[in-house]
Amino acid sequence: EVVQAVPVDMNNEEIPVILSSPYYPNQEEIKIKEEDLVPSTNEEKEAQKEIEKAERVFKDSEFVKLTEEQLRGLKSEYEQLESSFYSTLSEFRNKIGSYPRDNRRKRQEVTRFQRELNDRRFNVERLIIQVDSGLDELGSAELFFNKAKGTLKEGITERLRNKRRNYWSRKVDSDLIARQALREAENALSQLESSSIKLIEAMGIKKE
């Protein structure tokens, strides 16, 4: 028994599916409209609920609203801060060599200032790590979110296809696809939450 289908393009308003089997002696074209892609099973509804939840969180996130150019600017700003710090640190170390070794008071001041710089260096390094990691997770969250929407549409489309197939010719369980969409939406939320925490923490470190 052979079942043939044309590729599915979820961006099209109608999705034609051609079925050919002994149960359908004549080729039959099934047109699936965008309006037909409505969650129906429990799995599909759960996935849709999680996708809508992720969408609300995305809309409320101040970081998601940043354009790609603004994100690059944010990263560049922190990199410039790092460069400026190490330039100051290098300058300071050069000055150390010019102080007389027998000047005890001066050496104590230098030691104290060096400790402060080391503490700040730790903060700068932590800040850069937080920004890099936060921006990476923000990108991952958006990818998971878009993927979840596409996967759910795929699952609904497969369910609608299966209605026209006999039991033995159903190659894919549409509920499995819907559950995959749910996991992707959950991953999007998790990545977005982690990203927001890291970027907010980075902004706090910068103020210090």
N, C-alpha and C. Protein backbone atom coordinates (compact mmCIF):
# COMPACT_ATOMS: atom_id res chain seq x y z
N GLU A 1 0.85 -1.20 0.00
CA GLU A 1 0.00 0.00 0.00
C GLU A 1 0.87 1.24 0.00
N VAL A 2 0.59 2.21 -0.82
CA VAL A 2 1.44 3.40 -0.97
C VAL A 2 0.65 4.64 -0.62
N VAL A 3 1.25 5.48 0.21
CA VAL A 3 0.63 6.76 0.54
C VAL A 3 1.60 7.84 0.13
N GLN A 4 1.19 8.74 -0.73
CA GLN A 4 2.06 9.80 -1.20
C GLN A 4 1.49 11.15 -0.79
N ALA A 5 2.35 12.02 -0.39
CA ALA A 5 1.89 13.36 0.00
C ALA A 5 2.88 14.39 -0.49
N VAL A 6 2.37 15.52 -0.90
CA VAL A 6 3.25 16.60 -1.31
C VAL A 6 3.78 17.27 -0.06
N PRO A 7 4.98 17.94 -0.14
CA PRO A 7 5.54 18.61 1.04
C PRO A 7 4.58 19.64 1.61
N VAL A 8 4.63 19.78 2.92
CA VAL A 8 3.73 20.71 3.60
C VAL A 8 4.45 22.04 3.82
N ASP A 9 3.84 23.11 3.40
CA ASP A 9 4.36 24.46 3.65
C ASP A 9 3.38 25.17 4.55
N MET A 10 3.75 25.36 5.82
CA MET A 10 2.82 25.90 6.80
C MET A 10 2.51 27.37 6.54
N ASN A 11 3.28 28.01 5.63
CA ASN A 11 3.03 29.41 5.35
C ASN A 11 1.91 29.60 4.33
N ASN A 12 1.60 28.54 3.60
CA ASN A 12 0.54 28.66 2.61
C ASN A 12 -0.82 28.64 3.26
N GLU A 13 -1.75 29.29 2.61
CA GLU A 13 -3.11 29.34 3.17
C GLU A 13 -3.77 27.98 3.08
N GLU A 14 -3.47 27.24 1.99
CA GLU A 14 -4.03 25.91 1.82
C GLU A 14 -2.90 24.92 1.62
N ILE A 15 -3.02 23.73 2.22
CA ILE A 15 -2.00 22.72 2.13
C ILE A 15 -2.57 21.53 1.37
N PRO A 16 -2.24 21.34 0.10
CA PRO A 16 -2.78 20.22 -0.64
C PRO A 16 -2.08 18.93 -0.27
N VAL A 17 -2.81 17.86 -0.06
CA VAL A 17 -2.25 16.56 0.25
C VAL A 17 -2.85 15.54 -0.71
N ILE A 18 -2.01 14.80 -1.44
CA ILE A 18 -2.49 13.80 -2.39
C ILE A 18 -2.36 12.42 -1.77
N LEU A 19 -3.43 11.69 -1.73
CA LEU A 19 -3.43 10.34 -1.19
C LEU A 19 -3.69 9.35 -2.31
N SER A 20 -2.93 8.25 -2.30
CA SER A 20 -3.15 7.21 -3.29
C SER A 20 -3.04 5.86 -2.60
N SER A 21 -4.10 5.09 -2.57
CA SER A 21 -4.09 3.78 -1.93
C SER A 21 -5.28 2.98 -2.44
N PRO A 22 -5.30 1.67 -2.15
CA PRO A 22 -6.45 0.86 -2.58
C PRO A 22 -7.77 1.37 -2.05
N TYR A 23 -7.72 2.07 -0.90
CA TYR A 23 -8.96 2.59 -0.31
C TYR A 23 -9.41 3.87 -0.99
N TYR A 24 -8.49 4.47 -1.75
CA TYR A 24 -8.80 5.67 -2.51
C TYR A 24 -8.39 5.43 -3.96
N PRO A 25 -9.21 4.69 -4.71
CA PRO A 25 -8.84 4.29 -6.07
C PRO A 25 -8.50 5.47 -6.97
N ASN A 26 -9.12 6.59 -6.74
CA ASN A 26 -8.81 7.79 -7.52
C ASN A 26 -8.02 8.75 -6.65
N GLN A 27 -7.06 9.41 -7.25
CA GLN A 27 -6.30 10.39 -6.49
C GLN A 27 -7.24 11.48 -5.97
N GLU A 28 -7.10 11.77 -4.71
CA GLU A 28 -7.98 12.75 -4.09
C GLU A 28 -7.13 13.86 -3.48
N GLU A 29 -7.45 15.07 -3.80
CA GLU A 29 -6.70 16.20 -3.26
C GLU A 29 -7.42 16.75 -2.03
N ILE A 30 -6.68 16.79 -0.93
CA ILE A 30 -7.24 17.31 0.32
C ILE A 30 -6.65 18.68 0.56
N LYS A 31 -7.47 19.67 0.67
CA LYS A 31 -7.00 21.03 0.92
C LYS A 31 -7.20 21.36 2.40
N ILE A 32 -6.08 21.56 3.07
CA ILE A 32 -6.13 21.92 4.49
C ILE A 32 -5.87 23.41 4.61
N LYS A 33 -6.84 24.13 5.06
CA LYS A 33 -6.71 25.58 5.19
C LYS A 33 -6.08 25.95 6.54
N GLU A 34 -5.52 27.13 6.57
CA GLU A 34 -4.91 27.62 7.80
C GLU A 34 -5.93 27.64 8.94
N GLU A 35 -7.16 27.96 8.62
CA GLU A 35 -8.22 28.02 9.64
C GLU A 35 -8.57 26.64 10.20
N ASP A 36 -8.15 25.58 9.48
CA ASP A 36 -8.41 24.22 9.96
C ASP A 36 -7.37 23.77 10.99
N LEU A 37 -6.27 24.49 11.08
CA LEU A 37 -5.19 24.10 11.98
C LEU A 37 -5.49 24.55 13.41
N VAL A 38 -6.53 23.97 13.97
CA VAL A 38 -6.98 24.33 15.32
C VAL A 38 -6.70 23.17 16.27
N PRO A 39 -6.07 23.42 17.43
CA PRO A 39 -5.81 22.35 18.40
C PRO A 39 -7.10 21.65 18.81
N SER A 40 -7.07 20.32 18.81
CA SER A 40 -8.27 19.56 19.13
C SER A 40 -8.02 18.53 20.23
N THR A 41 -6.93 17.78 20.12
CA THR A 41 -6.64 16.76 21.12
C THR A 41 -6.09 17.41 22.39
N ASN A 42 -6.07 16.63 23.48
CA ASN A 42 -5.52 17.15 24.74
C ASN A 42 -4.06 17.57 24.59
N GLU A 43 -3.30 16.75 23.84
CA GLU A 43 -1.88 17.04 23.64
C GLU A 43 -1.70 18.35 22.88
N GLU A 44 -2.51 18.54 21.86
CA GLU A 44 -2.42 19.77 21.07
C GLU A 44 -2.81 21.00 21.90
N LYS A 45 -3.84 20.85 22.71
CA LYS A 45 -4.29 21.97 23.55
C LYS A 45 -3.25 22.33 24.61
N GLU A 46 -2.60 21.30 25.18
CA GLU A 46 -1.55 21.56 26.16
C GLU A 46 -0.38 22.30 25.53
N ALA A 47 -0.01 21.86 24.32
CA ALA A 47 1.09 22.52 23.61
C ALA A 47 0.73 23.96 23.28
N GLN A 48 -0.49 24.18 22.81
CA GLN A 48 -0.94 25.53 22.47
C GLN A 48 -0.95 26.44 23.70
N LYS A 49 -1.37 25.88 24.82
CA LYS A 49 -1.42 26.64 26.08
C LYS A 49 -0.01 27.09 26.48
N GLU A 50 0.96 26.18 26.34
CA GLU A 50 2.34 26.51 26.72
C GLU A 50 2.95 27.52 25.74
N ILE A 51 2.60 27.38 24.47
CA ILE A 51 3.09 28.33 23.46
C ILE A 51 2.54 29.73 23.74
N GLU A 52 1.27 29.82 24.08
CA GLU A 52 0.66 31.13 24.40
C GLU A 52 1.28 31.73 25.66
N LYS A 53 1.60 30.87 26.62
CA LYS A 53 2.26 31.34 27.84
C LYS A 53 3.64 31.91 27.50
N ALA A 54 4.37 31.18 26.65
CA ALA A 54 5.70 31.65 26.23
C ALA A 54 5.59 32.97 25.47
N GLU A 55 4.55 33.08 24.65
CA GLU A 55 4.36 34.30 23.87
C GLU A 55 4.13 35.51 24.78
N ARG A 56 3.35 35.32 25.84
CA ARG A 56 3.10 36.42 26.79
C ARG A 56 4.39 36.84 27.49
N VAL A 57 5.18 35.85 27.87
CA VAL A 57 6.45 36.15 28.55
C VAL A 57 7.39 36.89 27.61
N PHE A 58 7.42 36.47 26.35
CA PHE A 58 8.27 37.13 25.36
C PHE A 58 7.86 38.59 25.19
N LYS A 59 6.56 38.84 25.15
CA LYS A 59 6.07 40.21 24.95
C LYS A 59 6.42 41.11 26.13
N ASP A 60 6.49 40.52 27.32
CA ASP A 60 6.79 41.30 28.53
C ASP A 60 8.29 41.49 28.76
N SER A 61 9.11 40.74 28.04
CA SER A 61 10.55 40.79 28.26
C SER A 61 11.17 42.02 27.60
N GLU A 62 11.88 42.81 28.38
CA GLU A 62 12.52 44.01 27.83
C GLU A 62 13.68 43.64 26.92
N PHE A 63 14.28 42.47 27.13
CA PHE A 63 15.42 42.07 26.32
C PHE A 63 14.98 41.56 24.95
N VAL A 64 13.84 40.89 24.89
CA VAL A 64 13.33 40.39 23.61
C VAL A 64 13.00 41.56 22.68
N LYS A 65 12.61 42.69 23.27
CA LYS A 65 12.22 43.86 22.47
C LYS A 65 13.42 44.54 21.81
N LEU A 66 14.62 44.22 22.29
CA LEU A 66 15.82 44.83 21.71
C LEU A 66 16.05 44.32 20.29
N THR A 67 16.43 45.21 19.40
CA THR A 67 16.75 44.80 18.03
C THR A 67 18.11 44.13 18.02
N GLU A 68 18.42 43.46 16.91
CA GLU A 68 19.72 42.79 16.79
C GLU A 68 20.86 43.80 16.93
N GLU A 69 20.66 44.99 16.37
CA GLU A 69 21.68 46.04 16.46
C GLU A 69 21.87 46.48 17.91
N GLN A 70 20.77 46.60 18.64
CA GLN A 70 20.86 47.01 20.04
C GLN A 70 21.55 45.94 20.89
N LEU A 71 21.28 44.67 20.56
CA LEU A 71 21.93 43.58 21.29
C LEU A 71 23.43 43.59 21.05
N ARG A 72 23.83 43.85 19.80
CA ARG A 72 25.26 43.95 19.49
C ARG A 72 25.87 45.13 20.24
N GLY A 73 25.10 46.23 20.32
CA GLY A 73 25.58 47.41 21.03
C GLY A 73 25.76 47.14 22.51
N LEU A 74 24.82 46.36 23.09
CA LEU A 74 24.90 46.01 24.51
C LEU A 74 26.16 45.21 24.78
N LYS A 75 26.41 44.22 23.93
CA LYS A 75 27.60 43.38 24.10
C LYS A 75 28.87 44.21 23.91
N SER A 76 28.86 45.09 22.92
CA SER A 76 30.02 45.93 22.64
C SER A 76 30.32 46.85 23.83
N GLU A 77 29.26 47.35 24.45
CA GLU A 77 29.43 48.24 25.60
C GLU A 77 30.16 47.53 26.74
N TYR A 78 29.79 46.28 26.99
CA TYR A 78 30.43 45.53 28.06
C TYR A 78 31.86 45.15 27.69
N GLU A 79 32.10 44.88 26.41
CA GLU A 79 33.46 44.56 25.96
C GLU A 79 34.37 45.77 26.09
N GLN A 80 33.82 46.97 25.82
CA GLN A 80 34.61 48.20 25.97
C GLN A 80 34.95 48.44 27.44
N LEU A 81 33.99 48.11 28.30
CA LEU A 81 34.23 48.25 29.74
C LEU A 81 35.36 47.32 30.17
N GLU A 82 35.35 46.10 29.64
CA GLU A 82 36.41 45.14 29.96
C GLU A 82 37.76 45.65 29.47
N SER A 83 37.80 46.16 28.23
CA SER A 83 39.05 46.67 27.65
C SER A 83 39.59 47.85 28.45
N SER A 84 38.69 48.75 28.86
CA SER A 84 39.09 49.92 29.64
C SER A 84 39.67 49.51 30.98
N PHE A 85 39.06 48.50 31.59
CA PHE A 85 39.54 48.04 32.90
C PHE A 85 40.97 47.49 32.79
N TYR A 86 41.20 46.63 31.81
CA TYR A 86 42.52 46.02 31.68
C TYR A 86 43.58 47.04 31.27
N SER A 87 43.15 48.07 30.58
CA SER A 87 44.08 49.15 30.23
C SER A 87 44.51 49.89 31.50
N THR A 88 43.54 50.13 32.38
CA THR A 88 43.83 50.80 33.66
C THR A 88 44.72 49.92 34.53
N LEU A 89 44.44 48.63 34.54
CA LEU A 89 45.23 47.68 35.34
C LEU A 89 46.68 47.64 34.86
N SER A 90 46.87 47.64 33.55
CA SER A 90 48.21 47.62 32.97
C SER A 90 48.97 48.91 33.32
N GLU A 91 48.26 50.02 33.25
CA GLU A 91 48.85 51.33 33.58
C GLU A 91 49.31 51.35 35.04
N PHE A 92 48.46 50.82 35.89
CA PHE A 92 48.76 50.79 37.32
C PHE A 92 50.00 49.95 37.60
N ARG A 93 50.09 48.79 36.96
CA ARG A 93 51.24 47.91 37.19
C ARG A 93 52.55 48.55 36.73
N ASN A 94 52.45 49.33 35.68
CA ASN A 94 53.66 50.03 35.20
C ASN A 94 54.12 51.08 36.21
N LYS A 95 53.15 51.71 36.88
CA LYS A 95 53.49 52.74 37.87
C LYS A 95 54.12 52.13 39.12
N ILE A 96 53.74 50.90 39.42
CA ILE A 96 54.27 50.24 40.62
C ILE A 96 55.79 50.21 40.59
N GLY A 97 56.32 49.91 39.40
CA GLY A 97 57.77 49.80 39.28
C GLY A 97 58.50 51.11 39.51
N SER A 98 57.79 52.22 39.39
CA SER A 98 58.44 53.53 39.56
C SER A 98 58.49 53.99 41.01
N TYR A 99 57.77 53.29 41.91
CA TYR A 99 57.77 53.69 43.31
C TYR A 99 59.01 53.14 44.02
N PRO A 100 59.65 53.96 44.84
CA PRO A 100 60.83 53.48 45.60
C PRO A 100 60.44 52.35 46.54
N ARG A 101 61.28 51.34 46.64
CA ARG A 101 60.97 50.18 47.48
C ARG A 101 60.99 50.53 48.97
N ASP A 102 61.71 51.59 49.34
CA ASP A 102 61.80 51.93 50.76
C ASP A 102 60.67 52.85 51.22
N ASN A 103 59.77 53.21 50.28
CA ASN A 103 58.64 54.07 50.65
C ASN A 103 57.50 53.17 51.13
N ARG A 104 57.48 52.91 52.44
CA ARG A 104 56.53 51.95 53.01
C ARG A 104 55.08 52.38 52.83
N ARG A 105 54.80 53.65 53.11
CA ARG A 105 53.42 54.14 53.00
C ARG A 105 52.90 54.00 51.57
N LYS A 106 53.74 54.33 50.63
CA LYS A 106 53.33 54.24 49.23
C LYS A 106 53.09 52.79 48.83
N ARG A 107 53.96 51.91 49.31
CA ARG A 107 53.81 50.49 48.96
C ARG A 107 52.51 49.93 49.56
N GLN A 108 52.14 50.38 50.76
CA GLN A 108 50.89 49.92 51.38
C GLN A 108 49.68 50.38 50.57
N GLU A 109 49.74 51.61 50.11
CA GLU A 109 48.65 52.13 49.27
C GLU A 109 48.52 51.33 47.98
N VAL A 110 49.68 51.01 47.42
CA VAL A 110 49.70 50.24 46.17
C VAL A 110 49.09 48.86 46.39
N THR A 111 49.47 48.22 47.50
CA THR A 111 48.96 46.88 47.81
C THR A 111 47.44 46.90 47.98
N ARG A 112 46.95 47.92 48.71
CA ARG A 112 45.50 48.04 48.93
C ARG A 112 44.76 48.26 47.61
N PHE A 113 45.30 49.14 46.77
CA PHE A 113 44.66 49.43 45.49
C PHE A 113 44.69 48.22 44.56
N GLN A 114 45.77 47.45 44.67
CA GLN A 114 45.88 46.26 43.82
C GLN A 114 44.82 45.22 44.21
N ARG A 115 44.55 45.11 45.50
CA ARG A 115 43.49 44.20 45.96
C ARG A 115 42.13 44.63 45.40
N GLU A 116 41.88 45.93 45.44
CA GLU A 116 40.61 46.45 44.92
C GLU A 116 40.48 46.16 43.42
N LEU A 117 41.58 46.33 42.70
CA LEU A 117 41.55 46.06 41.26
C LEU A 117 41.30 44.58 40.98
N ASN A 118 41.90 43.72 41.78
CA ASN A 118 41.69 42.28 41.59
C ASN A 118 40.22 41.91 41.82
N ASP A 119 39.61 42.54 42.84
CA ASP A 119 38.19 42.30 43.09
C ASP A 119 37.35 42.78 41.91
N ARG A 120 37.69 43.93 41.38
CA ARG A 120 36.95 44.47 40.24
C ARG A 120 37.16 43.62 38.99
N ARG A 121 38.37 43.08 38.85
CA ARG A 121 38.64 42.23 37.69
C ARG A 121 37.72 41.01 37.71
N PHE A 122 37.53 40.46 38.89
CA PHE A 122 36.63 39.31 39.03
C PHE A 122 35.22 39.70 38.59
N ASN A 123 34.76 40.89 39.00
CA ASN A 123 33.42 41.36 38.62
C ASN A 123 33.29 41.57 37.12
N VAL A 124 34.34 42.13 36.52
CA VAL A 124 34.31 42.39 35.07
C VAL A 124 34.24 41.07 34.30
N GLU A 125 35.05 40.10 34.72
CA GLU A 125 35.05 38.80 34.04
C GLU A 125 33.69 38.11 34.20
N ARG A 126 33.15 38.20 35.40
CA ARG A 126 31.83 37.59 35.65
C ARG A 126 30.76 38.30 34.82
N LEU A 127 30.87 39.60 34.69
CA LEU A 127 29.92 40.38 33.91
C LEU A 127 29.91 39.94 32.44
N ILE A 128 31.11 39.80 31.86
CA ILE A 128 31.21 39.40 30.45
C ILE A 128 30.63 38.01 30.23
N ILE A 129 30.92 37.10 31.16
CA ILE A 129 30.38 35.73 31.06
C ILE A 129 28.85 35.75 31.12
N GLN A 130 28.30 36.56 32.03
CA GLN A 130 26.85 36.66 32.18
C GLN A 130 26.19 37.21 30.92
N VAL A 131 26.80 38.25 30.34
CA VAL A 131 26.23 38.86 29.14
C VAL A 131 26.26 37.88 27.97
N ASP A 132 27.42 37.23 27.76
CA ASP A 132 27.54 36.27 26.65
C ASP A 132 26.54 35.13 26.80
N SER A 133 26.48 34.57 28.00
CA SER A 133 25.58 33.45 28.25
C SER A 133 24.11 33.88 28.14
N GLY A 134 23.79 35.06 28.68
CA GLY A 134 22.41 35.55 28.62
C GLY A 134 21.94 35.79 27.21
N LEU A 135 22.79 36.37 26.36
CA LEU A 135 22.42 36.64 24.97
C LEU A 135 22.29 35.34 24.18
N ASP A 136 23.16 34.37 24.47
CA ASP A 136 23.07 33.06 23.79
C ASP A 136 21.75 32.38 24.13
N GLU A 137 21.37 32.42 25.40
CA GLU A 137 20.13 31.77 25.83
C GLU A 137 18.90 32.50 25.29
N LEU A 138 19.01 33.80 25.15
CA LEU A 138 17.91 34.57 24.56
C LEU A 138 17.67 34.12 23.12
N GLY A 139 18.76 33.94 22.37
CA GLY A 139 18.64 33.45 21.00
C GLY A 139 18.05 32.05 20.95
N SER A 140 18.47 31.18 21.87
CA SER A 140 17.94 29.82 21.93
C SER A 140 16.45 29.82 22.26
N ALA A 141 16.05 30.71 23.16
CA ALA A 141 14.63 30.79 23.55
C ALA A 141 13.76 31.14 22.35
N GLU A 142 14.21 32.08 21.54
CA GLU A 142 13.45 32.48 20.35
C GLU A 142 13.37 31.34 19.34
N LEU A 143 14.48 30.60 19.19
CA LEU A 143 14.48 29.46 18.26
C LEU A 143 13.51 28.38 18.72
N PHE A 144 13.54 28.06 20.01
CA PHE A 144 12.63 27.04 20.55
C PHE A 144 11.18 27.48 20.40
N PHE A 145 10.91 28.77 20.63
CA PHE A 145 9.54 29.28 20.54
C PHE A 145 9.01 29.14 19.11
N ASN A 146 9.79 29.58 18.14
CA ASN A 146 9.36 29.49 16.74
C ASN A 146 9.23 28.04 16.29
N LYS A 147 10.14 27.20 16.79
CA LYS A 147 10.08 25.79 16.44
C LYS A 147 8.83 25.13 17.01
N ALA A 148 8.47 25.50 18.23
CA ALA A 148 7.28 24.93 18.88
C ALA A 148 6.02 25.23 18.07
N LYS A 149 5.91 26.47 17.57
CA LYS A 149 4.74 26.83 16.77
C LYS A 149 4.67 26.01 15.49
N GLY A 150 5.82 25.84 14.84
CA GLY A 150 5.86 25.06 13.61
C GLY A 150 5.57 23.59 13.85
N THR A 151 6.10 23.06 14.96
CA THR A 151 5.89 21.65 15.28
C THR A 151 4.43 21.37 15.59
N LEU A 152 3.78 22.28 16.30
CA LEU A 152 2.36 22.09 16.61
C LEU A 152 1.53 22.08 15.33
N LYS A 153 1.81 22.99 14.42
CA LYS A 153 1.10 23.00 13.14
C LYS A 153 1.31 21.69 12.39
N GLU A 154 2.54 21.20 12.47
CA GLU A 154 2.86 19.93 11.81
C GLU A 154 2.03 18.79 12.40
N GLY A 155 1.90 18.78 13.74
CA GLY A 155 1.13 17.74 14.41
C GLY A 155 -0.35 17.79 14.04
N ILE A 156 -0.91 19.00 14.01
CA ILE A 156 -2.32 19.15 13.64
C ILE A 156 -2.54 18.72 12.20
N THR A 157 -1.62 19.11 11.32
CA THR A 157 -1.72 18.72 9.91
C THR A 157 -1.68 17.21 9.76
N GLU A 158 -0.80 16.56 10.52
CA GLU A 158 -0.69 15.10 10.45
C GLU A 158 -1.97 14.44 10.93
N ARG A 159 -2.58 15.01 11.97
CA ARG A 159 -3.86 14.45 12.46
C ARG A 159 -4.94 14.57 11.39
N LEU A 160 -5.00 15.71 10.71
CA LEU A 160 -5.99 15.90 9.65
C LEU A 160 -5.73 14.96 8.48
N ARG A 161 -4.48 14.71 8.19
CA ARG A 161 -4.14 13.75 7.13
C ARG A 161 -4.61 12.35 7.51
N ASN A 162 -4.34 11.99 8.79
CA ASN A 162 -4.67 10.64 9.24
C ASN A 162 -6.16 10.34 9.17
N LYS A 163 -6.97 11.37 9.22
CA LYS A 163 -8.42 11.16 9.12
C LYS A 163 -8.79 10.54 7.78
N ARG A 164 -7.98 10.81 6.76
CA ARG A 164 -8.25 10.29 5.43
C ARG A 164 -7.49 9.00 5.12
N ARG A 165 -6.70 8.54 6.07
CA ARG A 165 -5.93 7.32 5.87
C ARG A 165 -6.55 6.18 6.65
N ASN A 166 -6.31 4.96 6.20
CA ASN A 166 -6.73 3.82 7.02
C ASN A 166 -5.70 3.64 8.13
N TYR A 167 -6.04 2.88 9.15
CA TYR A 167 -5.21 2.77 10.35
C TYR A 167 -3.79 2.33 10.03
N TRP A 168 -3.64 1.33 9.15
CA TRP A 168 -2.33 0.74 8.90
C TRP A 168 -1.41 1.66 8.10
N SER A 169 -1.95 2.64 7.46
CA SER A 169 -1.11 3.53 6.65
C SER A 169 -0.68 4.78 7.41
N ARG A 170 -1.06 4.88 8.66
CA ARG A 170 -0.67 6.04 9.46
C ARG A 170 0.75 5.85 9.99
N LYS A 171 1.66 6.61 9.42
CA LYS A 171 3.08 6.43 9.75
C LYS A 171 3.50 7.20 11.00
N VAL A 172 2.81 8.26 11.30
CA VAL A 172 3.21 9.12 12.42
C VAL A 172 2.05 9.35 13.37
N ASP A 173 2.34 9.26 14.67
CA ASP A 173 1.33 9.57 15.68
C ASP A 173 1.34 11.08 15.89
N SER A 174 0.26 11.73 15.51
CA SER A 174 0.21 13.20 15.60
C SER A 174 0.34 13.69 17.03
N ASP A 175 -0.10 12.88 18.00
CA ASP A 175 0.02 13.30 19.40
C ASP A 175 1.49 13.35 19.86
N LEU A 176 2.32 12.49 19.27
CA LEU A 176 3.75 12.53 19.58
C LEU A 176 4.35 13.85 19.12
N ILE A 177 3.90 14.32 17.96
CA ILE A 177 4.39 15.59 17.43
C ILE A 177 3.93 16.74 18.33
N ALA A 178 2.68 16.66 18.79
CA ALA A 178 2.15 17.71 19.68
C ALA A 178 2.92 17.75 20.99
N ARG A 179 3.29 16.58 21.50
CA ARG A 179 4.06 16.54 22.75
C ARG A 179 5.46 17.13 22.55
N GLN A 180 6.00 16.92 21.34
CA GLN A 180 7.29 17.53 21.02
C GLN A 180 7.18 19.06 21.02
N ALA A 181 6.07 19.56 20.48
CA ALA A 181 5.83 21.01 20.47
C ALA A 181 5.75 21.54 21.90
N LEU A 182 5.12 20.78 22.79
CA LEU A 182 5.01 21.17 24.20
C LEU A 182 6.40 21.28 24.82
N ARG A 183 7.25 20.29 24.56
CA ARG A 183 8.61 20.31 25.12
C ARG A 183 9.40 21.51 24.60
N GLU A 184 9.22 21.81 23.34
CA GLU A 184 9.94 22.95 22.75
C GLU A 184 9.48 24.28 23.36
N ALA A 185 8.18 24.39 23.61
CA ALA A 185 7.66 25.61 24.25
C ALA A 185 8.18 25.73 25.68
N GLU A 186 8.25 24.60 26.38
CA GLU A 186 8.78 24.60 27.75
C GLU A 186 10.26 25.00 27.75
N ASN A 187 10.99 24.50 26.76
CA ASN A 187 12.41 24.87 26.64
C ASN A 187 12.57 26.36 26.37
N ALA A 188 11.67 26.91 25.56
CA ALA A 188 11.72 28.35 25.25
C ALA A 188 11.54 29.16 26.53
N LEU A 189 10.58 28.78 27.35
CA LEU A 189 10.33 29.49 28.61
C LEU A 189 11.52 29.37 29.55
N SER A 190 12.08 28.17 29.64
CA SER A 190 13.21 27.94 30.52
C SER A 190 14.42 28.77 30.11
N GLN A 191 14.71 28.79 28.80
CA GLN A 191 15.84 29.55 28.29
C GLN A 191 15.64 31.06 28.48
N LEU A 192 14.41 31.51 28.27
CA LEU A 192 14.12 32.94 28.42
C LEU A 192 14.25 33.38 29.87
N GLU A 193 13.77 32.55 30.78
CA GLU A 193 13.87 32.87 32.21
C GLU A 193 15.34 32.95 32.64
N SER A 194 16.12 31.96 32.22
CA SER A 194 17.54 31.93 32.57
C SER A 194 18.28 33.12 31.96
N SER A 195 17.94 33.45 30.71
CA SER A 195 18.56 34.58 30.02
C SER A 195 18.28 35.90 30.74
N SER A 196 17.02 36.10 31.12
CA SER A 196 16.63 37.34 31.80
C SER A 196 17.36 37.51 33.12
N ILE A 197 17.47 36.41 33.88
CA ILE A 197 18.16 36.46 35.17
C ILE A 197 19.62 36.88 34.98
N LYS A 198 20.28 36.29 33.99
CA LYS A 198 21.70 36.58 33.76
C LYS A 198 21.92 38.01 33.27
N LEU A 199 21.06 38.48 32.38
CA LEU A 199 21.24 39.83 31.86
C LEU A 199 20.92 40.89 32.92
N ILE A 200 19.92 40.63 33.74
CA ILE A 200 19.60 41.56 34.83
C ILE A 200 20.74 41.59 35.84
N GLU A 201 21.30 40.41 36.13
CA GLU A 201 22.43 40.34 37.05
C GLU A 201 23.64 41.09 36.48
N ALA A 202 23.85 40.96 35.16
CA ALA A 202 24.97 41.66 34.52
C ALA A 202 24.81 43.17 34.65
N MET A 203 23.58 43.65 34.49
CA MET A 203 23.33 45.09 34.63
C MET A 203 23.61 45.54 36.06
N GLY A 204 23.31 44.67 37.03
CA GLY A 204 23.59 45.00 38.42
C GLY A 204 25.08 45.05 38.70
N ILE A 205 25.83 44.12 38.10
CA ILE A 205 27.29 44.10 38.27
C ILE A 205 27.90 45.36 37.69
N LYS A 206 27.37 45.79 36.54
CA LYS A 206 27.91 46.98 35.88
C LYS A 206 27.75 48.21 36.77
N LYS A 207 26.61 48.31 37.46
CA LYS A 207 26.37 49.47 38.33
C LYS A 207 27.34 49.51 39.50
N GLU A 208 27.82 48.32 39.90
CA GLU A 208 28.77 48.25 41.01
C GLU A 208 30.10 48.89 40.62
